[in-house]
PDB file of N, CA and C in Angstrom:
ATOM      1  N   MET A   1     106.025 101.897 110.648  1.00  0.00           N
ATOM      2  CA  MET A   1     105.074 102.991 110.714  1.00  0.00           C
ATOM      3  C   MET A   1     105.754 104.307 110.382  1.00  0.00           C
ATOM      4  N   LEU A   2     106.933 104.513 110.932  1.00  0.00           N
ATOM      5  CA  LEU A   2     107.630 105.777 110.716  1.00  0.00           C
ATOM      6  C   LEU A   2     108.030 105.943 109.260  1.00  0.00           C
ATOM      7  N   PHE A   3     108.464 104.857 108.628  1.00  0.00           N
ATOM      8  CA  PHE A   3     108.848 104.916 107.220  1.00  0.00           C
ATOM      9  C   PHE A   3     107.654 105.290 106.349  1.00  0.00           C
ATOM     10  N   ILE A   4     106.519 104.659 106.610  1.00  0.00           N
ATOM     11  CA  ILE A   4     105.315 104.950 105.830  1.00  0.00           C
ATOM     12  C   ILE A   4     104.881 106.394 106.040  1.00  0.00           C
ATOM     13  N   LEU A   5     105.004 106.885 107.269  1.00  0.00           N
ATOM     14  CA  LEU A   5     104.647 108.270 107.554  1.00  0.00           C
ATOM     15  C   LEU A   5     105.537 109.233 106.770  1.00  0.00           C
ATOM     16  N   PHE A   6     106.837 108.966 106.703  1.00  0.00           N
ATOM     17  CA  PHE A   6     107.742 109.822 105.940  1.00  0.00           C
ATOM     18  C   PHE A   6     107.429 109.772 104.444  1.00  0.00           C
ATOM     19  N   VAL A   7     107.101 108.602 103.942  1.00  0.00           N
ATOM     20  CA  VAL A   7     106.751 108.476 102.524  1.00  0.00           C
ATOM     21  C   VAL A   7     105.480 109.271 102.224  1.00  0.00           C
ATOM     22  N   VAL A   8     104.484 109.174 103.080  1.00  0.00           N
ATOM     23  CA  VAL A   8     103.226 109.895 102.865  1.00  0.00           C
ATOM     24  C   VAL A   8     103.454 111.401 102.948  1.00  0.00           C
ATOM     25  N   ILE A   9     104.258 111.850 103.912  1.00  0.00           N
ATOM     26  CA  ILE A   9     104.556 113.283 104.008  1.00  0.00           C
ATOM     27  C   ILE A   9     105.289 113.757 102.759  1.00  0.00           C
ATOM     28  N   GLY A  10     106.214 112.951 102.262  1.00  0.00           N
ATOM     29  CA  GLY A  10     106.909 113.288 101.022  1.00  0.00           C
ATOM     30  C   GLY A  10     105.966 113.370  99.833  1.00  0.00           C
ATOM     31  N   LEU A  11     105.033 112.431  99.752  1.00  0.00           N
ATOM     32  CA  LEU A  11     104.060 112.447  98.659  1.00  0.00           C
ATOM     33  C   LEU A  11     103.154 113.675  98.730  1.00  0.00           C
ATOM     34  N   VAL A  12     102.726 114.040  99.915  1.00  0.00           N
ATOM     35  CA  VAL A  12     101.870 115.221 100.065  1.00  0.00           C
ATOM     36  C   VAL A  12     102.644 116.487  99.708  1.00  0.00           C
ATOM     37  N   ALA A  13     103.895 116.570 100.148  1.00  0.00           N
ATOM     38  CA  ALA A  13     104.716 117.740  99.800  1.00  0.00           C
ATOM     39  C   ALA A  13     104.914 117.828  98.286  1.00  0.00           C
ATOM     40  N   TRP A  14     105.160 116.711  97.664  1.00  0.00           N
ATOM     41  CA  TRP A  14     105.329 116.687  96.207  1.00  0.00           C
ATOM     42  C   TRP A  14     104.035 117.097  95.504  1.00  0.00           C
ATOM     43  N   ALA A  15     102.899 116.610  96.011  1.00  0.00           N
ATOM     44  CA  ALA A  15     101.610 116.960  95.415  1.00  0.00           C
ATOM     45  C   ALA A  15     101.347 118.463  95.542  1.00  0.00           C
ATOM     46  N   LEU A  16     101.659 119.034  96.698  1.00  0.00           N
ATOM     47  CA  LEU A  16     101.469 120.477  96.870  1.00  0.00           C
ATOM     48  C   LEU A  16     102.375 121.268  95.934  1.00  0.00           C
ATOM     49  N   HIS A  17     103.609 120.795  95.760  1.00  0.00           N
ATOM     50  CA  HIS A  17     104.534 121.461  94.835  1.00  0.00           C
ATOM     51  C   HIS A  17     103.999 121.406  93.402  1.00  0.00           C
ATOM     52  N   LEU A  18     103.501 120.239  93.005  1.00  0.00           N
ATOM     53  CA  LEU A  18     102.935 120.107  91.659  1.00  0.00           C
ATOM     54  C   LEU A  18     101.735 121.028  91.461  1.00  0.00           C
ATOM     55  N   MET A  19     100.888 121.111  92.466  1.00  0.00           N
ATOM     56  CA  MET A  19      99.699 121.960  92.340  1.00  0.00           C
ATOM     57  C   MET A  19     100.060 123.444  92.323  1.00  0.00           C
ATOM     58  N   GLN A  20     101.083 123.812  93.080  1.00  0.00           N
ATOM     59  CA  GLN A  20     101.540 125.202  93.057  1.00  0.00           C
ATOM     60  C   GLN A  20     102.103 125.560  91.671  1.00  0.00           C
ATOM     61  N   GLU A  21     102.878 124.655  91.103  1.00  0.00           N
ATOM     62  CA  GLU A  21     103.398 124.869  89.755  1.00  0.00           C
ATOM     63  C   GLU A  21     102.257 124.934  88.739  1.00  0.00           C
ATOM     64  N   ALA A  22     101.226 124.136  88.954  1.00  0.00           N
ATOM     65  CA  ALA A  22     100.082 124.139  88.039  1.00  0.00           C
ATOM     66  C   ALA A  22      99.369 125.488  88.063  1.00  0.00           C
ATOM     67  N   VAL A  23      99.240 126.074  89.229  1.00  0.00           N
ATOM     68  CA  VAL A  23      98.582 127.376  89.332  1.00  0.00           C
ATOM     69  C   VAL A  23      99.442 128.457  88.673  1.00  0.00           C
ATOM     70  N   GLN A  24     100.753 128.398  88.909  1.00  0.00           N
ATOM     71  CA  GLN A  24     101.644 129.414  88.337  1.00  0.00           C
ATOM     72  C   GLN A  24     101.709 129.320  86.813  1.00  0.00           C
ATOM     73  N   ARG A  25     101.766 128.101  86.292  1.00  0.00           N
ATOM     74  CA  ARG A  25     101.900 127.909  84.846  1.00  0.00           C
ATOM     75  C   ARG A  25     100.550 127.775  84.131  1.00  0.00           C
ATOM     76  N   ARG A  26      99.484 127.662  84.904  1.00  0.00           N
ATOM     77  CA  ARG A  26      98.131 127.470  84.368  1.00  0.00           C
ATOM     78  C   ARG A  26      98.065 126.225  83.473  1.00  0.00           C
ATOM     79  N   GLU A  27      98.540 125.115  84.041  1.00  0.00           N
ATOM     80  CA  GLU A  27      98.528 123.836  83.328  1.00  0.00           C
ATOM     81  C   GLU A  27      97.656 122.845  84.088  1.00  0.00           C
ATOM     82  N   PHE A  28      96.715 122.290  83.368  1.00  0.00           N
ATOM     83  CA  PHE A  28      95.807 121.322  83.983  1.00  0.00           C
ATOM     84  C   PHE A  28      96.517 120.006  84.282  1.00  0.00           C
ATOM     85  N   SER A  29      97.485 119.636  83.464  1.00  0.00           N
ATOM     86  CA  SER A  29      98.137 118.339  83.636  1.00  0.00           C
ATOM     87  C   SER A  29      98.912 118.272  84.958  1.00  0.00           C
ATOM     88  N   LEU A  30      99.528 119.372  85.358  1.00  0.00           N
ATOM     89  CA  LEU A  30     100.226 119.379  86.650  1.00  0.00           C
ATOM     90  C   LEU A  30      99.242 119.295  87.813  1.00  0.00           C
ATOM     91  N   MET A  31      98.100 119.938  87.673  1.00  0.00           N
ATOM     92  CA  MET A  31      97.073 119.857  88.718  1.00  0.00           C
ATOM     93  C   MET A  31      96.557 118.430  88.837  1.00  0.00           C
ATOM     94  N   LEU A  32      96.360 117.785  87.702  1.00  0.00           N
ATOM     95  CA  LEU A  32      95.913 116.393  87.715  1.00  0.00           C
ATOM     96  C   LEU A  32      96.978 115.490  88.338  1.00  0.00           C
ATOM     97  N   ALA A  33      98.234 115.732  88.003  1.00  0.00           N
ATOM     98  CA  ALA A  33      99.317 114.942  88.587  1.00  0.00           C
ATOM     99  C   ALA A  33      99.378 115.135  90.105  1.00  0.00           C
ATOM    100  N   GLY A  34      99.215 116.367  90.571  1.00  0.00           N
ATOM    101  CA  GLY A  34      99.192 116.630  92.013  1.00  0.00           C
ATOM    102  C   GLY A  34      98.050 115.922  92.710  1.00  0.00           C
ATOM    103  N   PHE A  35      96.882 115.918  92.068  1.00  0.00           N
ATOM    104  CA  PHE A  35      95.740 115.214  92.643  1.00  0.00           C
ATOM    105  C   PHE A  35      96.008 113.716  92.715  1.00  0.00           C
ATOM    106  N   LEU A  36      96.592 113.158  91.663  1.00  0.00           N
ATOM    107  CA  LEU A  36      96.870 111.720  91.661  1.00  0.00           C
ATOM    108  C   LEU A  36      97.903 111.340  92.715  1.00  0.00           C
ATOM    109  N   VAL A  37      98.905 112.174  92.921  1.00  0.00           N
ATOM    110  CA  VAL A  37      99.907 111.901  93.946  1.00  0.00           C
ATOM    111  C   VAL A  37      99.277 111.971  95.336  1.00  0.00           C
ATOM    112  N   SER A  38      98.425 112.975  95.566  1.00  0.00           N
ATOM    113  CA  SER A  38      97.768 113.069  96.880  1.00  0.00           C
ATOM    114  C   SER A  38      96.788 111.910  97.094  1.00  0.00           C
ATOM    115  N   ALA A  39      96.145 111.454  96.036  1.00  0.00           N
ATOM    116  CA  ALA A  39      95.256 110.293  96.150  1.00  0.00           C
ATOM    117  C   ALA A  39      96.060 109.038  96.482  1.00  0.00           C
ATOM    118  N   ALA A  40      97.257 108.920  95.924  1.00  0.00           N
ATOM    119  CA  ALA A  40      98.112 107.775  96.245  1.00  0.00           C
ATOM    120  C   ALA A  40      98.534 107.803  97.710  1.00  0.00           C
ATOM    121  N   ALA A  41      98.831 108.983  98.231  1.00  0.00           N
ATOM    122  CA  ALA A  41      99.194 109.104  99.645  1.00  0.00           C
ATOM    123  C   ALA A  41      98.025 108.719 100.543  1.00  0.00           C
ATOM    124  N   ALA A  42      96.833 109.168 100.198  1.00  0.00           N
ATOM    125  CA  ALA A  42      95.647 108.821 100.989  1.00  0.00           C
ATOM    126  C   ALA A  42      95.367 107.325 100.929  1.00  0.00           C
ATOM    127  N   ALA A  43      95.515 106.743  99.764  1.00  0.00           N
ATOM    128  CA  ALA A  43      95.292 105.300  99.626  1.00  0.00           C
ATOM    129  C   ALA A  43      96.314 104.509 100.418  1.00  0.00           C
ATOM    130  N   MET A  44      97.541 104.979 100.426  1.00  0.00           N
ATOM    131  CA  MET A  44      98.589 104.284 101.184  1.00  0.00           C
ATOM    132  C   MET A  44      98.282 104.281 102.683  1.00  0.00           C
ATOM    133  N   MET A  45      97.818 105.407 103.199  1.00  0.00           N
ATOM    134  CA  MET A  45      97.462 105.464 104.616  1.00  0.00           C
ATOM    135  C   MET A  45      96.229 104.620 104.911  1.00  0.00           C
ATOM    136  N   SER A  46      95.270 104.604 104.003  1.00  0.00           N
ATOM    137  CA  SER A  46      94.063 103.788 104.201  1.00  0.00           C
ATOM    138  C   SER A  46      94.405 102.306 104.268  1.00  0.00           C
ATOM    139  N   VAL A  47      95.236 101.856 103.355  1.00  0.00           N
ATOM    140  CA  VAL A  47      95.630 100.445 103.348  1.00  0.00           C
ATOM    141  C   VAL A  47      96.418 100.112 104.609  1.00  0.00           C
ATOM    142  N   TYR A  48      97.284 101.019 105.052  1.00  0.00           N
ATOM    143  CA  TYR A  48      98.052 100.768 106.279  1.00  0.00           C
ATOM    144  C   TYR A  48      97.117 100.584 107.469  1.00  0.00           C
ATOM    145  N   PHE A  49      96.152 101.485 107.634  1.00  0.00           N
ATOM    146  CA  PHE A  49      95.246 101.377 108.778  1.00  0.00           C
ATOM    147  C   PHE A  49      94.353 100.152 108.680  1.00  0.00           C
ATOM    148  N   LEU A  50      93.863  99.840 107.491  1.00  0.00           N
ATOM    149  CA  LEU A  50      93.028  98.643 107.341  1.00  0.00           C
ATOM    150  C   LEU A  50      93.807  97.375 107.669  1.00  0.00           C
ATOM    151  N   MET A  51      95.030  97.277 107.196  1.00  0.00           N
ATOM    152  CA  MET A  51      95.831  96.083 107.460  1.00  0.00           C
ATOM    153  C   MET A  51      96.232  95.988 108.934  1.00  0.00           C
ATOM    154  N   SER A  52      96.525  97.109 109.569  1.00  0.00           N
ATOM    155  CA  SER A  52      96.886  97.043 110.989  1.00  0.00           C
ATOM    156  C   SER A  52      95.703  96.589 111.830  1.00  0.00           C
ATOM    157  N   HIS A  53      94.495  97.057 111.489  1.00  0.00           N
ATOM    158  CA  HIS A  53      93.308  96.607 112.220  1.00  0.00           C
ATOM    159  C   HIS A  53      93.025  95.127 111.952  1.00  0.00           C
ATOM    160  N   TYR A  54      93.252  94.690 110.723  1.00  0.00           N
ATOM    161  CA  TYR A  54      93.024  93.284 110.382  1.00  0.00           C
ATOM    162  C   TYR A  54      93.993  92.372 111.135  1.00  0.00           C
ATOM    163  N   VAL A  55      95.262  92.747 111.186  1.00  0.00           N
ATOM    164  CA  VAL A  55      96.253  91.928 111.889  1.00  0.00           C
ATOM    165  C   VAL A  55      95.940  91.896 113.383  1.00  0.00           C
ATOM    166  N   LEU A  56      95.526  93.024 113.940  1.00  0.00           N
ATOM    167  CA  LEU A  56      95.140  93.055 115.348  1.00  0.00           C
ATOM    168  C   LEU A  56      93.933  92.152 115.598  1.00  0.00           C
ATOM    169  N   TYR A  57      92.951  92.202 114.714  1.00  0.00           N
ATOM    170  CA  TYR A  57      91.762  91.355 114.849  1.00  0.00           C
ATOM    171  C   TYR A  57      92.130  89.880 114.780  1.00  0.00           C
ATOM    172  N   MET A  58      92.984  89.512 113.843  1.00  0.00           N
ATOM    173  CA  MET A  58      93.374  88.111 113.696  1.00  0.00           C
ATOM    174  C   MET A  58      94.167  87.623 114.911  1.00  0.00           C
ATOM    175  N   SER A  59      95.030  88.462 115.462  1.00  0.00           N
ATOM    176  CA  SER A  59      95.786  88.030 116.642  1.00  0.00           C
ATOM    177  C   SER A  59      94.874  87.882 117.857  1.00  0.00           C
ATOM    178  N   GLU A  60      93.869  88.765 117.978  1.00  0.00           N
ATOM    179  CA  GLU A  60      92.903  88.622 119.070  1.00  0.00           C
ATOM    180  C   GLU A  60      92.071  87.357 118.906  1.00  0.00           C
ATOM    181  N   MET A  61      91.698  87.038 117.671  1.00  0.00           N
ATOM    182  CA  MET A  61      90.937  85.813 117.430  1.00  0.00           C
ATOM    183  C   MET A  61      91.773  84.579 117.767  1.00  0.00           C
ATOM    184  N   ALA A  62      93.054  84.612 117.446  1.00  0.00           N
ATOM    185  CA  ALA A  62      93.920  83.477 117.757  1.00  0.00           C
ATOM    186  C   ALA A  62      94.037  83.299 119.267  1.00  0.00           C
ATOM    187  N   GLU A  63      94.161  84.403 120.005  1.00  0.00           N
ATOM    188  CA  GLU A  63      94.222  84.307 121.470  1.00  0.00           C
ATOM    189  C   GLU A  63      92.896  83.800 122.037  1.00  0.00           C
ATOM    190  N   HIS A  64      91.798  84.276 121.466  1.00  0.00           N
ATOM    191  CA  HIS A  64      90.480  83.856 121.944  1.00  0.00           C
ATOM    192  C   HIS A  64      90.257  82.366 121.691  1.00  0.00           C
ATOM    193  N   LEU A  65      90.652  81.900 120.518  1.00  0.00           N
ATOM    194  CA  LEU A  65      90.448  80.495 120.193  1.00  0.00           C
ATOM    195  C   LEU A  65      91.390  79.578 120.961  1.00  0.00           C
ATOM    196  N   SER A  66      92.555  80.083 121.346  1.00  0.00           N
ATOM    197  CA  SER A  66      93.489  79.235 122.080  1.00  0.00           C
ATOM    198  C   SER A  66      92.999  78.944 123.497  1.00  0.00           C
ATOM    199  N   SER A  67      92.008  79.719 123.970  1.00  0.00           N
ATOM    200  CA  SER A  67      91.463  79.458 125.309  1.00  0.00           C
ATOM    201  C   SER A  67      90.543  78.234 125.324  1.00  0.00           C
ATOM    202  N   TYR A  68      90.070  77.808 124.158  1.00  0.00           N
ATOM    203  CA  TYR A  68      89.232  76.615 124.082  1.00  0.00           C
ATOM    204  C   TYR A  68      90.114  75.370 124.132  1.00  0.00           C
ATOM    205  N   THR A  69      89.684  74.397 124.920  1.00  0.00           N
ATOM    206  CA  THR A  69      90.449  73.153 125.032  1.00  0.00           C
ATOM    207  C   THR A  69      89.666  71.954 124.518  1.00  0.00           C
ATOM    208  N   GLN A  70      88.500  72.183 123.960  1.00  0.00           N
ATOM    209  CA  GLN A  70      87.697  71.073 123.464  1.00  0.00           C
ATOM    210  C   GLN A  70      88.302  70.530 122.177  1.00  0.00           C
ATOM    211  N   PRO A  71      88.208  69.228 121.949  1.00  0.00           N
ATOM    212  CA  PRO A  71      88.839  68.610 120.778  1.00  0.00           C
ATOM    213  C   PRO A  71      88.335  69.132 119.439  1.00  0.00           C
ATOM    214  N   GLU A  72      87.061  69.528 119.337  1.00  0.00           N
ATOM    215  CA  GLU A  72      86.558  69.958 118.034  1.00  0.00           C
ATOM    216  C   GLU A  72      87.153  71.296 117.586  1.00  0.00           C
ATOM    217  N   TYR A  73      87.735  72.044 118.531  1.00  0.00           N
ATOM    218  CA  TYR A  73      88.339  73.318 118.174  1.00  0.00           C
ATOM    219  C   TYR A  73      89.829  73.200 117.866  1.00  0.00           C
ATOM    220  N   SER A  74      90.422  72.044 118.068  1.00  0.00           N
ATOM    221  CA  SER A  74      91.868  71.918 117.922  1.00  0.00           C
ATOM    222  C   SER A  74      92.330  72.150 116.481  1.00  0.00           C
ATOM    223  N   GLU A  75      91.587  71.653 115.495  1.00  0.00           N
ATOM    224  CA  GLU A  75      91.975  71.876 114.092  1.00  0.00           C
ATOM    225  C   GLU A  75      91.876  73.346 113.725  1.00  0.00           C
ATOM    226  N   TRP A  76      90.828  74.019 114.176  1.00  0.00           N
ATOM    227  CA  TRP A  76      90.649  75.438 113.892  1.00  0.00           C
ATOM    228  C   TRP A  76      91.741  76.270 114.559  1.00  0.00           C
ATOM    229  N   ILE A  77      92.110  75.911 115.773  1.00  0.00           N
ATOM    230  CA  ILE A  77      93.169  76.627 116.493  1.00  0.00           C
ATOM    231  C   ILE A  77      94.491  76.463 115.762  1.00  0.00           C
ATOM    232  N   ASP A  78      94.789  75.255 115.308  1.00  0.00           N
ATOM    233  CA  ASP A  78      96.035  75.028 114.572  1.00  0.00           C
ATOM    234  C   ASP A  78      96.067  75.829 113.276  1.00  0.00           C
ATOM    235  N   LEU A  79      94.967  75.849 112.562  1.00  0.00           N
ATOM    236  CA  LEU A  79      94.903  76.598 111.307  1.00  0.00           C
ATOM    237  C   LEU A  79      95.063  78.097 111.556  1.00  0.00           C
ATOM    238  N   THR A  80      94.392  78.621 112.561  1.00  0.00           N
ATOM    239  CA  THR A  80      94.481  80.045 112.876  1.00  0.00           C
ATOM    240  C   THR A  80      95.886  80.423 113.306  1.00  0.00           C
ATOM    241  N   ASN A  81      96.498  79.607 114.138  1.00  0.00           N
ATOM    242  CA  ASN A  81      97.868  79.910 114.571  1.00  0.00           C
ATOM    243  C   ASN A  81      98.837  79.867 113.401  1.00  0.00           C
ATOM    244  N   THR A  82      98.660  78.930 112.496  1.00  0.00           N
ATOM    245  CA  THR A  82      99.524  78.857 111.326  1.00  0.00           C
ATOM    246  C   THR A  82      99.376  80.090 110.453  1.00  0.00           C
ATOM    247  N   LEU A  83      98.134  80.518 110.224  1.00  0.00           N
ATOM    248  CA  LEU A  83      97.904  81.725 109.415  1.00  0.00           C
ATOM    249  C   LEU A  83      98.454  82.966 110.107  1.00  0.00           C
ATOM    250  N   ALA A  84      98.298  83.066 111.406  1.00  0.00           N
ATOM    251  CA  ALA A  84      98.799  84.226 112.131  1.00  0.00           C
ATOM    252  C   ALA A  84     100.318  84.292 112.081  1.00  0.00           C
ATOM    253  N   GLU A  85     100.981  83.135 112.181  1.00  0.00           N
ATOM    254  CA  GLU A  85     102.449  83.119 112.117  1.00  0.00           C
ATOM    255  C   GLU A  85     102.942  83.512 110.734  1.00  0.00           C
ATOM    256  N   LYS A  86     102.237  83.119 109.689  1.00  0.00           N
ATOM    257  CA  LYS A  86     102.659  83.447 108.328  1.00  0.00           C
ATOM    258  C   LYS A  86     102.532  84.935 108.049  1.00  0.00           C
ATOM    259  N   HIS A  87     101.498  85.578 108.599  1.00  0.00           N
ATOM    260  CA  HIS A  87     101.241  86.988 108.292  1.00  0.00           C
ATOM    261  C   HIS A  87     101.911  87.941 109.261  1.00  0.00           C
ATOM    262  N   LEU A  88     102.429  87.471 110.361  1.00  0.00           N
ATOM    263  CA  LEU A  88     103.123  88.350 111.300  1.00  0.00           C
ATOM    264  C   LEU A  88     104.578  88.162 111.106  1.00  0.00           C
TER     265      LEU A  88
END
């Protein structure tokens, strides 16, 4: 989490620098580059939050399914535990 936060802060700082240079030099290409860098930072944070919520949801589902002891759920529990171990 900390590494991703530092990368995003670096990307935002770089985007602001590019946009400041664009205003000083009156160049549209630098402004576009700054926008694209800031969009990449926003996308990176969005993907991080979506994946963290997904992993949390899957681990909760695995815990919920492990409480069942009926035979028809045993294959589903094994599959869920295998998938959870691979992604964690």
